Amino acid sequence: MTKRRSMGIMIFILSIGGFFVYAYLLMLSEWSPIVLQLSVLMAVGGILGVISWIGYNMATSRPSPSSFITDDKK
């Protein structure tokens, strides 16, 4: 349990540090236009990647037997 806790504390501290580095690069450095463009590019790419993954799974998966609609009244 101590390994999981130390890993969690490390992730917590690194994510806060990453936020401050990102905020510095975005607000106070000369790299802010590039950082902003890359951030938007990664966000849009991630969203479109998830949507394409959903579409791929819908196109390649077999329908389950419970998804067929049967009409017993004929």
N, C-alpha and C. Protein backbone atom coordinates (compact mmCIF):
# COMPACT_ATOMS: atom_id res chain seq x y z
N MET A 1 0.82 -1.20 0.00
CA MET A 1 0.00 0.00 0.00
C MET A 1 0.86 1.25 0.00
N THR A 2 2.03 1.21 0.58
CA THR A 2 2.88 2.39 0.61
C THR A 2 3.42 2.72 -0.78
N LYS A 3 3.62 1.67 -1.62
CA LYS A 3 4.07 1.93 -2.98
C LYS A 3 2.98 2.66 -3.77
N ARG A 4 1.74 2.24 -3.60
CA ARG A 4 0.63 2.91 -4.28
C ARG A 4 0.47 4.34 -3.78
N ARG A 5 0.64 4.53 -2.49
CA ARG A 5 0.49 5.87 -1.93
C ARG A 5 1.60 6.79 -2.42
N SER A 6 2.84 6.29 -2.44
CA SER A 6 3.95 7.13 -2.91
C SER A 6 3.80 7.42 -4.40
N MET A 7 3.31 6.46 -5.16
CA MET A 7 3.06 6.71 -6.58
C MET A 7 1.97 7.76 -6.76
N GLY A 8 0.94 7.69 -5.97
CA GLY A 8 -0.13 8.69 -6.04
C GLY A 8 0.34 10.07 -5.66
N ILE A 9 1.17 10.17 -4.62
CA ILE A 9 1.72 11.48 -4.22
C ILE A 9 2.62 12.03 -5.32
N MET A 10 3.41 11.15 -5.95
CA MET A 10 4.29 11.59 -7.02
C MET A 10 3.48 12.10 -8.22
N ILE A 11 2.44 11.38 -8.60
CA ILE A 11 1.58 11.82 -9.71
C ILE A 11 0.92 13.15 -9.37
N PHE A 12 0.46 13.30 -8.14
CA PHE A 12 -0.18 14.54 -7.69
C PHE A 12 0.78 15.72 -7.80
N ILE A 13 2.00 15.56 -7.29
CA ILE A 13 2.98 16.64 -7.31
C ILE A 13 3.42 16.96 -8.74
N LEU A 14 3.63 15.92 -9.56
CA LEU A 14 4.04 16.16 -10.94
C LEU A 14 2.95 16.85 -11.76
N SER A 15 1.69 16.51 -11.49
CA SER A 15 0.61 17.16 -12.25
C SER A 15 0.49 18.63 -11.86
N ILE A 16 0.66 18.95 -10.58
CA ILE A 16 0.64 20.36 -10.17
C ILE A 16 1.83 21.10 -10.76
N GLY A 17 3.00 20.48 -10.74
CA GLY A 17 4.18 21.09 -11.35
C GLY A 17 4.01 21.27 -12.85
N GLY A 18 3.40 20.29 -13.52
CA GLY A 18 3.13 20.40 -14.94
C GLY A 18 2.18 21.54 -15.25
N PHE A 19 1.20 21.75 -14.39
CA PHE A 19 0.29 22.88 -14.57
C PHE A 19 1.04 24.20 -14.51
N PHE A 20 1.93 24.34 -13.52
CA PHE A 20 2.67 25.59 -13.39
C PHE A 20 3.63 25.82 -14.56
N VAL A 21 4.25 24.76 -15.05
CA VAL A 21 5.11 24.89 -16.23
C VAL A 21 4.27 25.31 -17.44
N TYR A 22 3.11 24.67 -17.62
CA TYR A 22 2.22 25.01 -18.72
C TYR A 22 1.74 26.46 -18.61
N ALA A 23 1.36 26.88 -17.40
CA ALA A 23 0.91 28.25 -17.20
C ALA A 23 2.02 29.25 -17.49
N TYR A 24 3.24 28.93 -17.08
CA TYR A 24 4.37 29.81 -17.38
C TYR A 24 4.59 29.91 -18.89
N LEU A 25 4.61 28.75 -19.57
CA LEU A 25 4.83 28.76 -21.01
C LEU A 25 3.72 29.49 -21.75
N LEU A 26 2.50 29.40 -21.23
CA LEU A 26 1.36 30.01 -21.91
C LEU A 26 1.27 31.51 -21.63
N MET A 27 1.61 31.94 -20.45
CA MET A 27 1.39 33.34 -20.06
C MET A 27 2.64 34.21 -20.10
N LEU A 28 3.78 33.68 -19.75
CA LEU A 28 4.93 34.54 -19.52
C LEU A 28 6.10 34.34 -20.48
N SER A 29 6.02 33.36 -21.35
CA SER A 29 7.17 33.13 -22.22
C SER A 29 6.88 33.58 -23.64
N GLU A 30 7.92 33.61 -24.44
CA GLU A 30 7.78 33.98 -25.84
C GLU A 30 7.19 32.83 -26.67
N TRP A 31 7.07 31.67 -26.06
CA TRP A 31 6.56 30.48 -26.74
C TRP A 31 5.04 30.36 -26.67
N SER A 32 4.36 31.35 -26.12
CA SER A 32 2.92 31.20 -25.87
C SER A 32 2.08 30.95 -27.12
N PRO A 33 2.35 31.57 -28.28
CA PRO A 33 1.51 31.22 -29.45
C PRO A 33 1.67 29.76 -29.87
N ILE A 34 2.89 29.27 -29.81
CA ILE A 34 3.13 27.87 -30.19
C ILE A 34 2.50 26.93 -29.18
N VAL A 35 2.63 27.23 -27.90
CA VAL A 35 2.04 26.40 -26.85
C VAL A 35 0.52 26.37 -26.99
N LEU A 36 -0.08 27.51 -27.27
CA LEU A 36 -1.53 27.57 -27.45
C LEU A 36 -1.96 26.78 -28.68
N GLN A 37 -1.25 26.92 -29.77
CA GLN A 37 -1.59 26.17 -30.98
C GLN A 37 -1.45 24.67 -30.76
N LEU A 38 -0.39 24.24 -30.10
CA LEU A 38 -0.21 22.81 -29.84
C LEU A 38 -1.26 22.28 -28.87
N SER A 39 -1.67 23.09 -27.91
CA SER A 39 -2.70 22.66 -26.97
C SER A 39 -4.03 22.44 -27.68
N VAL A 40 -4.40 23.37 -28.53
CA VAL A 40 -5.65 23.23 -29.29
C VAL A 40 -5.55 22.04 -30.24
N LEU A 41 -4.41 21.89 -30.88
CA LEU A 41 -4.22 20.76 -31.80
C LEU A 41 -4.35 19.43 -31.07
N MET A 42 -3.76 19.31 -29.89
CA MET A 42 -3.85 18.06 -29.13
C MET A 42 -5.27 17.81 -28.64
N ALA A 43 -5.98 18.85 -28.23
CA ALA A 43 -7.35 18.69 -27.76
C ALA A 43 -8.26 18.23 -28.89
N VAL A 44 -8.18 18.90 -30.04
CA VAL A 44 -9.01 18.53 -31.18
C VAL A 44 -8.63 17.14 -31.68
N GLY A 45 -7.34 16.85 -31.73
CA GLY A 45 -6.90 15.53 -32.15
C GLY A 45 -7.37 14.43 -31.21
N GLY A 46 -7.37 14.71 -29.92
CA GLY A 46 -7.85 13.72 -28.95
C GLY A 46 -9.34 13.47 -29.08
N ILE A 47 -10.11 14.53 -29.26
CA ILE A 47 -11.56 14.37 -29.41
C ILE A 47 -11.89 13.62 -30.69
N LEU A 48 -11.25 14.01 -31.80
CA LEU A 48 -11.50 13.32 -33.07
C LEU A 48 -10.98 11.89 -33.04
N GLY A 49 -9.91 11.64 -32.30
CA GLY A 49 -9.41 10.28 -32.15
C GLY A 49 -10.40 9.38 -31.41
N VAL A 50 -11.00 9.91 -30.36
CA VAL A 50 -12.01 9.14 -29.63
C VAL A 50 -13.23 8.88 -30.50
N ILE A 51 -13.66 9.89 -31.26
CA ILE A 51 -14.81 9.71 -32.14
C ILE A 51 -14.50 8.68 -33.22
N SER A 52 -13.31 8.72 -33.80
CA SER A 52 -12.96 7.74 -34.82
C SER A 52 -12.85 6.35 -34.24
N TRP A 53 -12.36 6.22 -33.00
CA TRP A 53 -12.29 4.91 -32.34
C TRP A 53 -13.69 4.35 -32.11
N ILE A 54 -14.63 5.20 -31.71
CA ILE A 54 -16.01 4.75 -31.53
C ILE A 54 -16.59 4.29 -32.87
N GLY A 55 -16.36 5.05 -33.93
CA GLY A 55 -16.84 4.67 -35.25
C GLY A 55 -16.23 3.37 -35.73
N TYR A 56 -14.93 3.18 -35.50
CA TYR A 56 -14.27 1.94 -35.89
C TYR A 56 -14.86 0.75 -35.15
N ASN A 57 -15.07 0.92 -33.85
CA ASN A 57 -15.66 -0.18 -33.07
C ASN A 57 -17.09 -0.48 -33.51
N MET A 58 -17.86 0.54 -33.85
CA MET A 58 -19.22 0.31 -34.34
C MET A 58 -19.20 -0.40 -35.69
N ALA A 59 -18.24 -0.09 -36.53
CA ALA A 59 -18.19 -0.68 -37.86
C ALA A 59 -17.67 -2.12 -37.85
N THR A 60 -16.82 -2.46 -36.89
CA THR A 60 -16.18 -3.78 -36.91
C THR A 60 -16.74 -4.76 -35.90
N SER A 61 -17.61 -4.33 -35.01
CA SER A 61 -18.12 -5.26 -34.00
C SER A 61 -19.36 -5.98 -34.52
N ARG A 62 -19.54 -7.19 -34.04
CA ARG A 62 -20.72 -7.96 -34.40
C ARG A 62 -21.85 -7.59 -33.46
N PRO A 63 -23.07 -7.52 -33.98
CA PRO A 63 -24.19 -7.22 -33.09
C PRO A 63 -24.47 -8.39 -32.15
N SER A 64 -24.79 -8.07 -30.92
CA SER A 64 -25.11 -9.12 -29.96
C SER A 64 -26.53 -9.62 -30.22
N PRO A 65 -26.81 -10.87 -29.85
CA PRO A 65 -28.16 -11.40 -30.10
C PRO A 65 -29.25 -10.61 -29.39
N SER A 66 -28.93 -9.99 -28.29
CA SER A 66 -29.95 -9.23 -27.55
C SER A 66 -30.27 -7.90 -28.23
N SER A 67 -29.45 -7.47 -29.22
CA SER A 67 -29.71 -6.20 -29.87
C SER A 67 -30.68 -6.32 -31.03
N PHE A 68 -31.02 -7.55 -31.41
CA PHE A 68 -32.01 -7.73 -32.46
C PHE A 68 -33.39 -7.51 -31.89
N ILE A 69 -34.20 -6.79 -32.63
CA ILE A 69 -35.58 -6.53 -32.19
C ILE A 69 -36.48 -7.56 -32.86
N THR A 70 -37.19 -8.30 -32.03
CA THR A 70 -38.10 -9.29 -32.57
C THR A 70 -39.52 -8.85 -32.30
N ASP A 71 -40.37 -9.07 -33.26
CA ASP A 71 -41.78 -8.72 -33.14
C ASP A 71 -42.58 -10.01 -33.03
N ASP A 72 -43.07 -10.30 -31.82
CA ASP A 72 -43.81 -11.53 -31.61
C ASP A 72 -45.24 -11.44 -32.09
N LYS A 73 -45.75 -10.25 -32.28
CA LYS A 73 -47.13 -10.08 -32.74
C LYS A 73 -47.18 -10.04 -34.26
N LYS A 74 -47.69 -11.10 -34.84
CA LYS A 74 -47.78 -11.15 -36.30
C LYS A 74 -49.16 -11.50 -36.74
